[in-house]
Amino acid sequence: EIWQVAEVFDAYQERYLALMNKSGVNYIQIFHNHGKGAGASLAHPHSQILAIPVISPYIELELFGAERYYKSNKRLVYGIITEYESENKKRVVFENEHFVAFCPFASRAAFEIWIVGKRTNPYFERITEEEKFALAEVMQKALFTIYDGLNDPAYNFYIHTAPCDGKEYPHYQWHIEILPHTALWAGFELSTGIEISTIQPEIAAEYLRSRLAIKH
């Protein structure tokens, strides 16, 4: 049920708010591992939240890229991406009034899905109640397509949000990234950090959409 998924995001938000102002906390990472291949250590579904004193290199890159793009173009890069994907539709898996789930251009992994909000908001903890239910719907649809279309693979999802270090990050946009494990990393991937994907994101999205169409 969508309300049950929304309750999970309620819990994420409550724990985030409880941790963000503690001394020495500059970033809070929320993530979920599904299946042994994704590092899940317990059989039952569970998520984890870690409050850390540093900002990860991945987030630093996203923050820097968003700021650099704005300085060069005077537009918010995540807003442009979301608008384009919503209008173009080819990489969209599912969307509603508040969020869009899509297979990103140059995906790092086959069938990777991003969920991005249509309202500019760098901070996950500032999500509204209405947005929580809309996010729950999109998340439920996205995870169903992975479960049904890829035969319940191992996957990770995590929330990327602006740091809670007291600084402002107006050019950023919080979002969720879902990474199914459909292939093993071998020599090339391990030596370069670049995964060889066997499917284009447009084709991946079309296939995942088809699973929703069959369900309904």
N, C-alpha and C. Protein backbone atom coordinates (compact mmCIF):
# COMPACT_ATOMS: atom_id res chain seq x y z
N GLU A 1 0.84 -1.19 0.00
CA GLU A 1 0.00 0.00 0.00
C GLU A 1 0.88 1.25 0.00
N ILE A 2 0.39 2.29 -0.70
CA ILE A 2 1.18 3.52 -0.80
C ILE A 2 1.40 4.16 0.56
N TRP A 3 0.39 4.12 1.44
CA TRP A 3 0.54 4.75 2.75
C TRP A 3 1.63 4.08 3.57
N GLN A 4 1.84 2.79 3.35
CA GLN A 4 2.90 2.09 4.08
C GLN A 4 4.28 2.55 3.60
N VAL A 5 4.41 2.76 2.29
CA VAL A 5 5.68 3.28 1.76
C VAL A 5 5.90 4.70 2.27
N ALA A 6 4.82 5.48 2.32
CA ALA A 6 4.92 6.85 2.84
C ALA A 6 5.39 6.85 4.29
N GLU A 7 4.97 5.86 5.07
CA GLU A 7 5.41 5.76 6.47
C GLU A 7 6.91 5.51 6.57
N VAL A 8 7.47 4.79 5.59
CA VAL A 8 8.92 4.58 5.57
C VAL A 8 9.63 5.92 5.39
N PHE A 9 9.12 6.75 4.47
CA PHE A 9 9.73 8.06 4.27
C PHE A 9 9.50 8.96 5.49
N ASP A 10 8.39 8.77 6.19
CA ASP A 10 8.17 9.47 7.46
C ASP A 10 9.30 9.14 8.43
N ALA A 11 9.61 7.86 8.53
CA ALA A 11 10.65 7.42 9.45
C ALA A 11 12.01 7.98 9.04
N TYR A 12 12.29 7.95 7.74
CA TYR A 12 13.54 8.55 7.26
C TYR A 12 13.64 10.01 7.69
N GLN A 13 12.56 10.76 7.46
CA GLN A 13 12.56 12.19 7.77
C GLN A 13 12.72 12.42 9.28
N GLU A 14 12.00 11.65 10.09
CA GLU A 14 12.07 11.83 11.54
C GLU A 14 13.48 11.57 12.07
N ARG A 15 14.10 10.49 11.60
CA ARG A 15 15.45 10.18 12.07
C ARG A 15 16.46 11.21 11.57
N TYR A 16 16.27 11.67 10.33
CA TYR A 16 17.15 12.70 9.78
C TYR A 16 17.09 13.95 10.64
N LEU A 17 15.88 14.40 10.94
CA LEU A 17 15.71 15.62 11.74
C LEU A 17 16.28 15.46 13.14
N ALA A 18 16.22 14.24 13.68
CA ALA A 18 16.75 14.00 15.02
C ALA A 18 18.28 14.02 15.05
N LEU A 19 18.90 13.74 13.92
CA LEU A 19 20.36 13.63 13.87
C LEU A 19 21.07 14.88 13.33
N MET A 20 20.39 15.68 12.52
CA MET A 20 21.07 16.68 11.72
C MET A 20 21.73 17.80 12.52
N ASN A 21 21.22 18.08 13.70
CA ASN A 21 21.78 19.18 14.49
C ASN A 21 22.75 18.73 15.57
N LYS A 22 23.07 17.45 15.57
CA LYS A 22 24.03 16.96 16.57
C LYS A 22 25.44 17.44 16.23
N SER A 23 26.23 17.65 17.24
CA SER A 23 27.60 18.13 17.06
C SER A 23 28.42 17.16 16.21
N GLY A 24 29.13 17.71 15.25
CA GLY A 24 30.00 16.91 14.41
C GLY A 24 29.34 16.24 13.23
N VAL A 25 28.03 16.43 13.07
CA VAL A 25 27.31 15.81 11.95
C VAL A 25 27.23 16.82 10.80
N ASN A 26 27.82 16.48 9.67
CA ASN A 26 27.77 17.35 8.48
C ASN A 26 27.05 16.71 7.31
N TYR A 27 26.86 15.39 7.37
CA TYR A 27 26.11 14.72 6.30
C TYR A 27 25.41 13.50 6.87
N ILE A 28 24.21 13.24 6.35
CA ILE A 28 23.43 12.07 6.78
C ILE A 28 23.08 11.25 5.54
N GLN A 29 23.49 9.99 5.56
CA GLN A 29 23.26 9.11 4.42
C GLN A 29 22.20 8.06 4.77
N ILE A 30 21.13 8.05 3.98
CA ILE A 30 20.07 7.05 4.12
C ILE A 30 20.19 6.10 2.93
N PHE A 31 20.21 4.79 3.21
CA PHE A 31 20.33 3.84 2.11
C PHE A 31 19.63 2.53 2.45
N HIS A 32 19.41 1.73 1.41
CA HIS A 32 18.71 0.45 1.56
C HIS A 32 19.40 -0.58 0.69
N ASN A 33 19.78 -1.71 1.27
CA ASN A 33 20.39 -2.81 0.53
C ASN A 33 19.39 -3.96 0.43
N HIS A 34 19.17 -4.45 -0.78
CA HIS A 34 18.22 -5.55 -0.98
C HIS A 34 18.95 -6.72 -1.61
N GLY A 35 19.01 -7.84 -0.91
CA GLY A 35 19.66 -9.03 -1.44
C GLY A 35 21.12 -9.11 -1.07
N LYS A 36 21.64 -10.34 -1.00
CA LYS A 36 23.03 -10.55 -0.61
C LYS A 36 23.99 -9.88 -1.58
N GLY A 37 23.63 -9.87 -2.87
CA GLY A 37 24.50 -9.27 -3.87
C GLY A 37 24.64 -7.77 -3.71
N ALA A 38 23.74 -7.16 -2.92
CA ALA A 38 23.81 -5.71 -2.67
C ALA A 38 24.32 -5.41 -1.27
N GLY A 39 24.75 -6.46 -0.55
CA GLY A 39 25.32 -6.24 0.77
C GLY A 39 24.35 -6.35 1.92
N ALA A 40 23.11 -6.80 1.66
CA ALA A 40 22.13 -6.93 2.75
C ALA A 40 22.57 -8.04 3.70
N SER A 41 22.65 -7.74 4.98
CA SER A 41 23.12 -8.70 5.98
C SER A 41 21.97 -9.37 6.73
N LEU A 42 20.75 -8.85 6.58
CA LEU A 42 19.57 -9.41 7.24
C LEU A 42 18.53 -9.77 6.19
N ALA A 43 17.76 -10.82 6.45
CA ALA A 43 16.80 -11.30 5.46
C ALA A 43 15.60 -10.35 5.32
N HIS A 44 15.18 -9.74 6.44
CA HIS A 44 14.00 -8.89 6.37
C HIS A 44 14.36 -7.51 5.78
N PRO A 45 13.40 -6.85 5.13
CA PRO A 45 13.67 -5.52 4.55
C PRO A 45 14.05 -4.52 5.64
N HIS A 46 15.08 -3.76 5.39
CA HIS A 46 15.51 -2.76 6.36
C HIS A 46 16.35 -1.70 5.65
N SER A 47 16.32 -0.50 6.18
CA SER A 47 17.14 0.59 5.67
C SER A 47 18.13 0.99 6.76
N GLN A 48 19.11 1.78 6.37
CA GLN A 48 20.12 2.23 7.33
C GLN A 48 20.34 3.73 7.17
N ILE A 49 20.71 4.38 8.27
CA ILE A 49 20.99 5.82 8.25
C ILE A 49 22.26 6.06 9.04
N LEU A 50 23.20 6.76 8.43
CA LEU A 50 24.48 7.04 9.06
C LEU A 50 24.71 8.55 9.09
N ALA A 51 25.05 9.06 10.24
CA ALA A 51 25.40 10.48 10.40
C ALA A 51 26.91 10.58 10.49
N ILE A 52 27.52 11.33 9.59
CA ILE A 52 28.98 11.36 9.50
C ILE A 52 29.50 12.81 9.51
N PRO A 53 30.78 12.99 9.89
CA PRO A 53 31.33 14.35 9.99
C PRO A 53 31.86 14.90 8.68
N VAL A 54 31.90 14.07 7.62
CA VAL A 54 32.47 14.50 6.35
C VAL A 54 31.42 14.42 5.25
N ILE A 55 31.66 15.13 4.16
CA ILE A 55 30.80 15.07 2.98
C ILE A 55 31.49 14.18 1.96
N SER A 56 30.79 13.19 1.46
CA SER A 56 31.42 12.20 0.59
C SER A 56 31.86 12.83 -0.73
N PRO A 57 32.87 12.24 -1.38
CA PRO A 57 33.32 12.75 -2.69
C PRO A 57 32.21 12.75 -3.73
N TYR A 58 31.30 11.76 -3.68
CA TYR A 58 30.20 11.71 -4.64
C TYR A 58 29.31 12.94 -4.51
N ILE A 59 28.97 13.28 -3.28
CA ILE A 59 28.12 14.46 -3.04
C ILE A 59 28.87 15.73 -3.40
N GLU A 60 30.14 15.79 -3.06
CA GLU A 60 30.95 16.95 -3.42
C GLU A 60 30.92 17.18 -4.93
N LEU A 61 31.05 16.11 -5.70
CA LEU A 61 31.02 16.23 -7.16
C LEU A 61 29.67 16.75 -7.65
N GLU A 62 28.59 16.23 -7.07
CA GLU A 62 27.25 16.68 -7.48
C GLU A 62 27.02 18.14 -7.11
N LEU A 63 27.44 18.52 -5.91
CA LEU A 63 27.28 19.91 -5.48
C LEU A 63 28.09 20.86 -6.38
N PHE A 64 29.32 20.47 -6.65
CA PHE A 64 30.19 21.30 -7.49
C PHE A 64 29.64 21.40 -8.90
N GLY A 65 29.19 20.28 -9.44
CA GLY A 65 28.65 20.29 -10.80
C GLY A 65 27.41 21.15 -10.92
N ALA A 66 26.51 21.08 -9.92
CA ALA A 66 25.29 21.87 -9.95
C ALA A 66 25.60 23.36 -9.86
N GLU A 67 26.54 23.72 -9.00
CA GLU A 67 26.92 25.14 -8.86
C GLU A 67 27.60 25.65 -10.12
N ARG A 68 28.50 24.85 -10.67
CA ARG A 68 29.22 25.25 -11.88
C ARG A 68 28.26 25.44 -13.05
N TYR A 69 27.28 24.53 -13.17
CA TYR A 69 26.32 24.65 -14.26
C TYR A 69 25.50 25.93 -14.12
N TYR A 70 25.10 26.24 -12.88
CA TYR A 70 24.31 27.45 -12.67
C TYR A 70 25.12 28.70 -13.01
N LYS A 71 26.37 28.73 -12.61
CA LYS A 71 27.20 29.89 -12.89
C LYS A 71 27.39 30.09 -14.39
N SER A 72 27.43 29.00 -15.14
CA SER A 72 27.64 29.09 -16.59
C SER A 72 26.36 29.37 -17.36
N ASN A 73 25.21 28.87 -16.85
CA ASN A 73 23.97 28.92 -17.62
C ASN A 73 22.82 29.65 -16.95
N LYS A 74 23.01 30.00 -15.68
CA LYS A 74 21.97 30.71 -14.91
C LYS A 74 20.66 29.90 -14.84
N ARG A 75 20.80 28.59 -14.88
CA ARG A 75 19.65 27.70 -14.74
C ARG A 75 20.05 26.53 -13.85
N LEU A 76 19.05 25.92 -13.20
CA LEU A 76 19.31 24.81 -12.30
C LEU A 76 19.35 23.51 -13.09
N VAL A 77 20.47 22.80 -13.03
CA VAL A 77 20.67 21.64 -13.88
C VAL A 77 19.67 20.52 -13.57
N TYR A 78 19.33 20.30 -12.30
CA TYR A 78 18.39 19.23 -11.99
C TYR A 78 16.99 19.57 -12.48
N GLY A 79 16.63 20.85 -12.46
CA GLY A 79 15.35 21.27 -13.01
C GLY A 79 15.28 21.03 -14.50
N ILE A 80 16.37 21.33 -15.21
CA ILE A 80 16.42 21.11 -16.65
C ILE A 80 16.30 19.62 -16.97
N ILE A 81 17.02 18.80 -16.21
CA ILE A 81 16.96 17.35 -16.44
C ILE A 81 15.54 16.83 -16.23
N THR A 82 14.93 17.22 -15.13
CA THR A 82 13.59 16.73 -14.81
C THR A 82 12.57 17.18 -15.85
N GLU A 83 12.64 18.45 -16.25
CA GLU A 83 11.73 18.96 -17.26
C GLU A 83 11.91 18.23 -18.59
N TYR A 84 13.16 18.02 -18.98
CA TYR A 84 13.42 17.34 -20.25
C TYR A 84 12.90 15.91 -20.22
N GLU A 85 13.21 15.17 -19.17
CA GLU A 85 12.78 13.77 -19.10
C GLU A 85 11.25 13.68 -19.09
N SER A 86 10.59 14.57 -18.36
CA SER A 86 9.13 14.56 -18.27
C SER A 86 8.48 14.87 -19.62
N GLU A 87 9.09 15.78 -20.38
CA GLU A 87 8.54 16.15 -21.69
C GLU A 87 8.88 15.14 -22.77
N ASN A 88 10.11 14.60 -22.72
CA ASN A 88 10.56 13.67 -23.75
C ASN A 88 9.95 12.28 -23.59
N LYS A 89 9.79 11.83 -22.37
CA LYS A 89 9.13 10.56 -22.00
C LYS A 89 9.92 9.30 -22.29
N LYS A 90 10.91 9.32 -23.18
CA LYS A 90 11.55 8.09 -23.63
C LYS A 90 12.25 7.34 -22.50
N ARG A 91 12.77 8.07 -21.52
CA ARG A 91 13.49 7.42 -20.41
C ARG A 91 12.67 7.37 -19.13
N VAL A 92 11.43 7.83 -19.18
CA VAL A 92 10.58 7.86 -17.98
C VAL A 92 9.99 6.48 -17.72
N VAL A 93 10.07 6.04 -16.46
CA VAL A 93 9.44 4.79 -16.04
C VAL A 93 8.06 5.07 -15.49
N PHE A 94 7.95 6.12 -14.65
CA PHE A 94 6.66 6.52 -14.09
C PHE A 94 6.80 7.92 -13.53
N GLU A 95 5.73 8.69 -13.57
CA GLU A 95 5.75 10.02 -12.96
C GLU A 95 4.36 10.39 -12.48
N ASN A 96 4.32 11.32 -11.54
CA ASN A 96 3.05 11.91 -11.11
C ASN A 96 3.25 13.42 -10.98
N GLU A 97 2.38 14.08 -10.27
CA GLU A 97 2.42 15.54 -10.19
C GLU A 97 3.71 16.07 -9.57
N HIS A 98 4.30 15.30 -8.67
CA HIS A 98 5.43 15.81 -7.88
C HIS A 98 6.79 15.20 -8.20
N PHE A 99 6.81 13.97 -8.74
CA PHE A 99 8.08 13.28 -8.95
C PHE A 99 8.10 12.57 -10.30
N VAL A 100 9.30 12.38 -10.82
CA VAL A 100 9.49 11.60 -12.04
C VAL A 100 10.60 10.57 -11.81
N ALA A 101 10.32 9.33 -12.21
CA ALA A 101 11.31 8.25 -12.15
C ALA A 101 11.76 7.95 -13.57
N PHE A 102 13.06 7.98 -13.80
CA PHE A 102 13.58 7.78 -15.15
C PHE A 102 14.92 7.06 -15.12
N CYS A 103 15.24 6.41 -16.24
CA CYS A 103 16.55 5.79 -16.42
C CYS A 103 17.48 6.88 -16.95
N PRO A 104 18.46 7.31 -16.18
CA PRO A 104 19.26 8.48 -16.57
C PRO A 104 20.13 8.23 -17.79
N PHE A 105 20.33 9.29 -18.55
CA PHE A 105 21.25 9.26 -19.68
C PHE A 105 22.64 8.88 -19.17
N ALA A 106 23.32 8.01 -19.92
CA ALA A 106 24.63 7.51 -19.49
C ALA A 106 24.54 6.89 -18.10
N SER A 107 23.57 5.99 -17.91
CA SER A 107 23.39 5.30 -16.64
C SER A 107 24.67 4.56 -16.25
N ARG A 108 24.95 4.54 -14.96
CA ARG A 108 26.13 3.82 -14.48
C ARG A 108 25.92 2.32 -14.51
N ALA A 109 24.66 1.88 -14.39
CA ALA A 109 24.35 0.46 -14.38
C ALA A 109 23.09 0.24 -15.21
N ALA A 110 22.98 -0.95 -15.78
CA ALA A 110 21.78 -1.28 -16.54
C ALA A 110 20.54 -1.20 -15.65
N PHE A 111 19.51 -0.54 -16.13
CA PHE A 111 18.22 -0.38 -15.44
C PHE A 111 18.31 0.52 -14.20
N GLU A 112 19.35 1.34 -14.12
CA GLU A 112 19.42 2.34 -13.06
C GLU A 112 18.23 3.29 -13.17
N ILE A 113 17.66 3.67 -12.03
CA ILE A 113 16.53 4.60 -12.00
C ILE A 113 16.84 5.73 -11.03
N TRP A 114 16.56 6.95 -11.45
CA TRP A 114 16.59 8.11 -10.56
C TRP A 114 15.16 8.57 -10.31
N ILE A 115 14.90 9.03 -9.10
CA ILE A 115 13.62 9.66 -8.77
C ILE A 115 13.92 11.08 -8.31
N VAL A 116 13.40 12.05 -9.05
CA VAL A 116 13.71 13.47 -8.79
C VAL A 116 12.41 14.25 -8.66
N GLY A 117 12.38 15.16 -7.71
CA GLY A 117 11.19 15.99 -7.50
C GLY A 117 11.08 17.11 -8.52
N LYS A 118 9.85 17.51 -8.80
CA LYS A 118 9.60 18.60 -9.75
C LYS A 118 9.66 19.97 -9.08
N ARG A 119 9.60 19.99 -7.74
CA ARG A 119 9.77 21.25 -7.00
C ARG A 119 11.23 21.38 -6.60
N THR A 120 11.81 22.52 -6.87
CA THR A 120 13.21 22.74 -6.49
C THR A 120 13.35 22.66 -4.97
N ASN A 121 14.18 21.73 -4.50
CA ASN A 121 14.37 21.54 -3.08
C ASN A 121 15.67 20.76 -2.86
N PRO A 122 16.70 21.40 -2.35
CA PRO A 122 17.97 20.70 -2.12
C PRO A 122 17.94 19.73 -0.94
N TYR A 123 16.94 19.88 -0.05
CA TYR A 123 16.98 19.21 1.25
C TYR A 123 15.86 18.19 1.42
N PHE A 124 16.22 16.92 1.49
CA PHE A 124 15.21 15.87 1.67
C PHE A 124 14.35 16.12 2.89
N GLU A 125 14.94 16.58 3.99
CA GLU A 125 14.20 16.71 5.24
C GLU A 125 13.08 17.75 5.16
N ARG A 126 13.08 18.55 4.10
CA ARG A 126 12.03 19.56 3.92
C ARG A 126 10.89 19.07 3.03
N ILE A 127 10.82 17.79 2.78
CA ILE A 127 9.74 17.23 1.98
C ILE A 127 8.40 17.44 2.70
N THR A 128 7.34 17.72 1.96
CA THR A 128 6.02 17.95 2.55
C THR A 128 5.25 16.64 2.66
N GLU A 129 4.16 16.66 3.42
CA GLU A 129 3.33 15.46 3.56
C GLU A 129 2.75 15.03 2.22
N GLU A 130 2.28 15.99 1.44
CA GLU A 130 1.72 15.66 0.12
C GLU A 130 2.80 15.04 -0.78
N GLU A 131 3.99 15.59 -0.73
CA GLU A 131 5.08 15.06 -1.54
C GLU A 131 5.47 13.65 -1.09
N LYS A 132 5.36 13.38 0.21
CA LYS A 132 5.72 12.06 0.73
C LYS A 132 4.84 10.97 0.10
N PHE A 133 3.54 11.25 -0.01
CA PHE A 133 2.64 10.26 -0.61
C PHE A 133 2.90 10.13 -2.11
N ALA A 134 3.20 11.24 -2.76
CA ALA A 134 3.52 11.20 -4.19
C ALA A 134 4.82 10.44 -4.42
N LEU A 135 5.80 10.67 -3.55
CA LEU A 135 7.07 9.95 -3.65
C LEU A 135 6.85 8.46 -3.41
N ALA A 136 6.01 8.13 -2.44
CA ALA A 136 5.71 6.72 -2.15
C ALA A 136 5.13 6.02 -3.36
N GLU A 137 4.24 6.70 -4.08
CA GLU A 137 3.66 6.10 -5.28
C GLU A 137 4.72 5.83 -6.34
N VAL A 138 5.56 6.82 -6.60
CA VAL A 138 6.60 6.67 -7.64
C VAL A 138 7.61 5.61 -7.22
N MET A 139 8.00 5.60 -5.96
CA MET A 139 8.98 4.62 -5.47
C MET A 139 8.41 3.22 -5.58
N GLN A 140 7.16 3.05 -5.21
CA GLN A 140 6.52 1.74 -5.28
C GLN A 140 6.49 1.22 -6.72
N LYS A 141 6.14 2.10 -7.64
CA LYS A 141 6.10 1.71 -9.06
C LYS A 141 7.49 1.35 -9.57
N ALA A 142 8.47 2.16 -9.23
CA ALA A 142 9.83 1.93 -9.72
C ALA A 142 10.38 0.60 -9.20
N LEU A 143 10.21 0.35 -7.90
CA LEU A 143 10.72 -0.90 -7.34
C LEU A 143 9.96 -2.10 -7.86
N PHE A 144 8.65 -1.93 -8.13
CA PHE A 144 7.90 -3.04 -8.72
C PHE A 144 8.45 -3.42 -10.09
N THR A 145 8.76 -2.42 -10.91
CA THR A 145 9.25 -2.73 -12.25
C THR A 145 10.57 -3.50 -12.18
N ILE A 146 11.42 -3.15 -11.20
CA ILE A 146 12.68 -3.87 -11.03
C ILE A 146 12.42 -5.29 -10.53
N TYR A 147 11.55 -5.42 -9.56
CA TYR A 147 11.22 -6.74 -9.00
C TYR A 147 10.60 -7.64 -10.07
N ASP A 148 9.61 -7.12 -10.77
CA ASP A 148 8.86 -7.92 -11.74
C ASP A 148 9.63 -8.10 -13.05
N GLY A 149 10.24 -7.03 -13.52
CA GLY A 149 10.87 -7.09 -14.83
C GLY A 149 12.23 -7.75 -14.83
N LEU A 150 12.93 -7.74 -13.68
CA LEU A 150 14.29 -8.27 -13.62
C LEU A 150 14.41 -9.48 -12.69
N ASN A 151 13.24 -10.03 -12.31
CA ASN A 151 13.19 -11.25 -11.49
C ASN A 151 13.82 -11.04 -10.11
N ASP A 152 13.42 -9.98 -9.45
CA ASP A 152 13.83 -9.67 -8.08
C ASP A 152 15.34 -9.69 -7.89
N PRO A 153 16.06 -8.81 -8.59
CA PRO A 153 17.52 -8.78 -8.43
C PRO A 153 17.92 -8.10 -7.13
N ALA A 154 19.17 -8.28 -6.74
CA ALA A 154 19.71 -7.46 -5.66
C ALA A 154 19.78 -6.02 -6.15
N TYR A 155 19.55 -5.07 -5.25
CA TYR A 155 19.67 -3.66 -5.62
C TYR A 155 19.98 -2.83 -4.39
N ASN A 156 20.49 -1.65 -4.64
CA ASN A 156 20.68 -0.64 -3.60
C ASN A 156 19.90 0.60 -4.01
N PHE A 157 19.32 1.28 -3.05
CA PHE A 157 18.86 2.65 -3.32
C PHE A 157 19.30 3.54 -2.18
N TYR A 158 19.50 4.80 -2.49
CA TYR A 158 19.96 5.74 -1.48
C TYR A 158 19.46 7.13 -1.81
N ILE A 159 19.41 7.95 -0.79
CA ILE A 159 18.98 9.35 -0.95
C ILE A 159 20.23 10.22 -0.99
N HIS A 160 20.34 11.02 -2.03
CA HIS A 160 21.36 12.06 -2.09
C HIS A 160 20.69 13.39 -1.78
N THR A 161 21.15 14.04 -0.74
CA THR A 161 20.56 15.30 -0.31
C THR A 161 21.68 16.27 0.05
N ALA A 162 21.34 17.54 0.16
CA ALA A 162 22.35 18.54 0.51
C ALA A 162 22.85 18.30 1.93
N PRO A 163 24.09 18.62 2.21
CA PRO A 163 24.64 18.44 3.56
C PRO A 163 23.88 19.25 4.60
N CYS A 164 24.02 18.80 5.85
CA CYS A 164 23.39 19.53 6.97
C CYS A 164 24.47 20.24 7.77
N ASP A 165 25.39 20.88 7.06
CA ASP A 165 26.53 21.54 7.69
C ASP A 165 26.32 23.03 7.92
N GLY A 166 25.07 23.48 7.75
CA GLY A 166 24.75 24.88 8.00
C GLY A 166 24.95 25.80 6.81
N LYS A 167 25.49 25.28 5.71
CA LYS A 167 25.68 26.09 4.51
C LYS A 167 24.47 25.97 3.59
N GLU A 168 24.37 26.87 2.64
CA GLU A 168 23.27 26.85 1.68
C GLU A 168 23.74 26.22 0.37
N TYR A 169 22.86 25.42 -0.22
CA TYR A 169 23.17 24.75 -1.49
C TYR A 169 21.99 24.94 -2.45
N PRO A 170 21.74 26.17 -2.89
CA PRO A 170 20.54 26.49 -3.66
C PRO A 170 20.49 25.88 -5.06
N HIS A 171 21.62 25.41 -5.57
CA HIS A 171 21.65 24.90 -6.94
C HIS A 171 21.45 23.40 -7.01
N TYR A 172 21.34 22.76 -5.86
CA TYR A 172 21.26 21.30 -5.79
C TYR A 172 19.80 20.85 -5.75
N GLN A 173 19.60 19.54 -5.92
CA GLN A 173 18.27 18.95 -5.81
C GLN A 173 18.41 17.57 -5.18
N TRP A 174 17.74 17.33 -4.07
CA TRP A 174 17.81 16.01 -3.47
C TRP A 174 17.11 15.01 -4.39
N HIS A 175 17.54 13.77 -4.36
CA HIS A 175 16.96 12.75 -5.24
C HIS A 175 17.30 11.37 -4.72
N ILE A 176 16.65 10.37 -5.30
CA ILE A 176 16.90 8.97 -4.96
C ILE A 176 17.50 8.28 -6.18
N GLU A 177 18.52 7.46 -5.96
CA GLU A 177 19.12 6.67 -7.03
C GLU A 177 18.93 5.19 -6.68
N ILE A 178 18.44 4.41 -7.65
CA ILE A 178 18.22 2.99 -7.48
C ILE A 178 19.14 2.25 -8.44
N LEU A 179 19.97 1.36 -7.90
CA LEU A 179 20.96 0.66 -8.71
C LEU A 179 20.76 -0.85 -8.61
N PRO A 180 20.11 -1.46 -9.60
CA PRO A 180 19.98 -2.92 -9.60
C PRO A 180 21.32 -3.57 -9.93
N HIS A 181 21.54 -4.76 -9.40
CA HIS A 181 22.76 -5.51 -9.70
C HIS A 181 22.42 -6.58 -10.74
N THR A 182 22.62 -6.24 -11.99
CA THR A 182 22.31 -7.17 -13.08
C THR A 182 23.55 -7.73 -13.74
N ALA A 183 24.73 -7.27 -13.34
CA ALA A 183 25.98 -7.75 -13.92
C ALA A 183 27.08 -7.65 -12.88
N LEU A 184 28.07 -8.52 -13.00
CA LEU A 184 29.22 -8.49 -12.09
C LEU A 184 30.31 -7.58 -12.65
N TRP A 185 30.95 -6.83 -11.76
CA TRP A 185 32.09 -6.03 -12.18
C TRP A 185 33.30 -6.94 -12.36
N ALA A 186 34.00 -6.77 -13.47
CA ALA A 186 35.20 -7.55 -13.76
C ALA A 186 36.38 -6.59 -13.93
N GLY A 187 37.40 -7.03 -14.67
CA GLY A 187 38.64 -6.27 -14.76
C GLY A 187 38.47 -4.85 -15.24
N PHE A 188 37.71 -4.64 -16.32
CA PHE A 188 37.56 -3.29 -16.86
C PHE A 188 36.86 -2.38 -15.85
N GLU A 189 35.75 -2.86 -15.27
CA GLU A 189 35.00 -2.04 -14.33
C GLU A 189 35.83 -1.71 -13.09
N LEU A 190 36.52 -2.70 -12.56
CA LEU A 190 37.30 -2.49 -11.35
C LEU A 190 38.49 -1.56 -11.58
N SER A 191 39.06 -1.62 -12.78
CA SER A 191 40.24 -0.81 -13.05
C SER A 191 39.92 0.61 -13.46
N THR A 192 38.68 0.84 -13.93
CA THR A 192 38.32 2.18 -14.42
C THR A 192 37.17 2.82 -13.65
N GLY A 193 36.36 2.02 -12.96
CA GLY A 193 35.16 2.56 -12.32
C GLY A 193 34.03 2.79 -13.32
N ILE A 194 34.20 2.31 -14.55
CA ILE A 194 33.21 2.48 -15.61
C ILE A 194 32.56 1.12 -15.88
N GLU A 195 31.24 1.05 -15.76
CA GLU A 195 30.56 -0.20 -16.04
C GLU A 195 30.19 -0.28 -17.51
N ILE A 196 30.37 -1.45 -18.10
CA ILE A 196 29.93 -1.68 -19.47
C ILE A 196 28.47 -2.11 -19.41
N SER A 197 27.58 -1.24 -19.84
CA SER A 197 26.14 -1.53 -19.81
C SER A 197 25.72 -2.12 -21.15
N THR A 198 24.89 -3.15 -21.08
CA THR A 198 24.46 -3.84 -22.29
C THR A 198 23.12 -3.34 -22.81
N ILE A 199 22.59 -2.29 -22.22
CA ILE A 199 21.28 -1.79 -22.65
C ILE A 199 21.24 -0.27 -22.58
N GLN A 200 20.62 0.34 -23.56
CA GLN A 200 20.46 1.79 -23.55
C GLN A 200 19.37 2.19 -22.56
N PRO A 201 19.50 3.34 -21.90
CA PRO A 201 18.49 3.73 -20.92
C PRO A 201 17.09 3.87 -21.51
N GLU A 202 17.00 4.27 -22.77
CA GLU A 202 15.68 4.39 -23.41
C GLU A 202 15.01 3.03 -23.53
N ILE A 203 15.79 2.01 -23.88
CA ILE A 203 15.25 0.66 -24.01
C ILE A 203 14.93 0.08 -22.64
N ALA A 204 15.79 0.36 -21.67
CA ALA A 204 15.54 -0.09 -20.30
C ALA A 204 14.24 0.49 -19.77
N ALA A 205 14.04 1.79 -19.97
CA ALA A 205 12.82 2.45 -19.49
C ALA A 205 11.59 1.89 -20.19
N GLU A 206 11.68 1.67 -21.49
CA GLU A 206 10.55 1.11 -22.24
C GLU A 206 10.16 -0.26 -21.69
N TYR A 207 11.16 -1.07 -21.40
CA TYR A 207 10.89 -2.41 -20.85
C TYR A 207 10.25 -2.31 -19.47
N LEU A 208 10.79 -1.45 -18.60
CA LEU A 208 10.24 -1.31 -17.26
C LEU A 208 8.82 -0.77 -17.30
N ARG A 209 8.56 0.19 -18.20
CA ARG A 209 7.18 0.71 -18.36
C ARG A 209 6.23 -0.42 -18.77
N SER A 210 6.71 -1.31 -19.62
CA SER A 210 5.86 -2.41 -20.10
C SER A 210 5.41 -3.31 -18.96
N ARG A 211 6.25 -3.45 -17.91
CA ARG A 211 5.86 -4.27 -16.77
C ARG A 211 4.70 -3.61 -16.01
N LEU A 212 4.71 -2.29 -15.92
CA LEU A 212 3.59 -1.58 -15.29
C LEU A 212 2.33 -1.74 -16.12
N ALA A 213 2.46 -1.66 -17.44
CA ALA A 213 1.31 -1.78 -18.32
C ALA A 213 0.66 -3.16 -18.19
N ILE A 214 1.49 -4.20 -18.07
CA ILE A 214 0.98 -5.57 -17.90
C ILE A 214 0.24 -5.71 -16.57
N LYS A 215 0.82 -5.10 -15.54
CA LYS A 215 0.21 -5.18 -14.21
C LYS A 215 -1.19 -4.56 -14.20
N HIS A 216 -1.33 -3.47 -14.96
CA HIS A 216 -2.60 -2.74 -14.95
C HIS A 216 -3.46 -3.10 -16.17
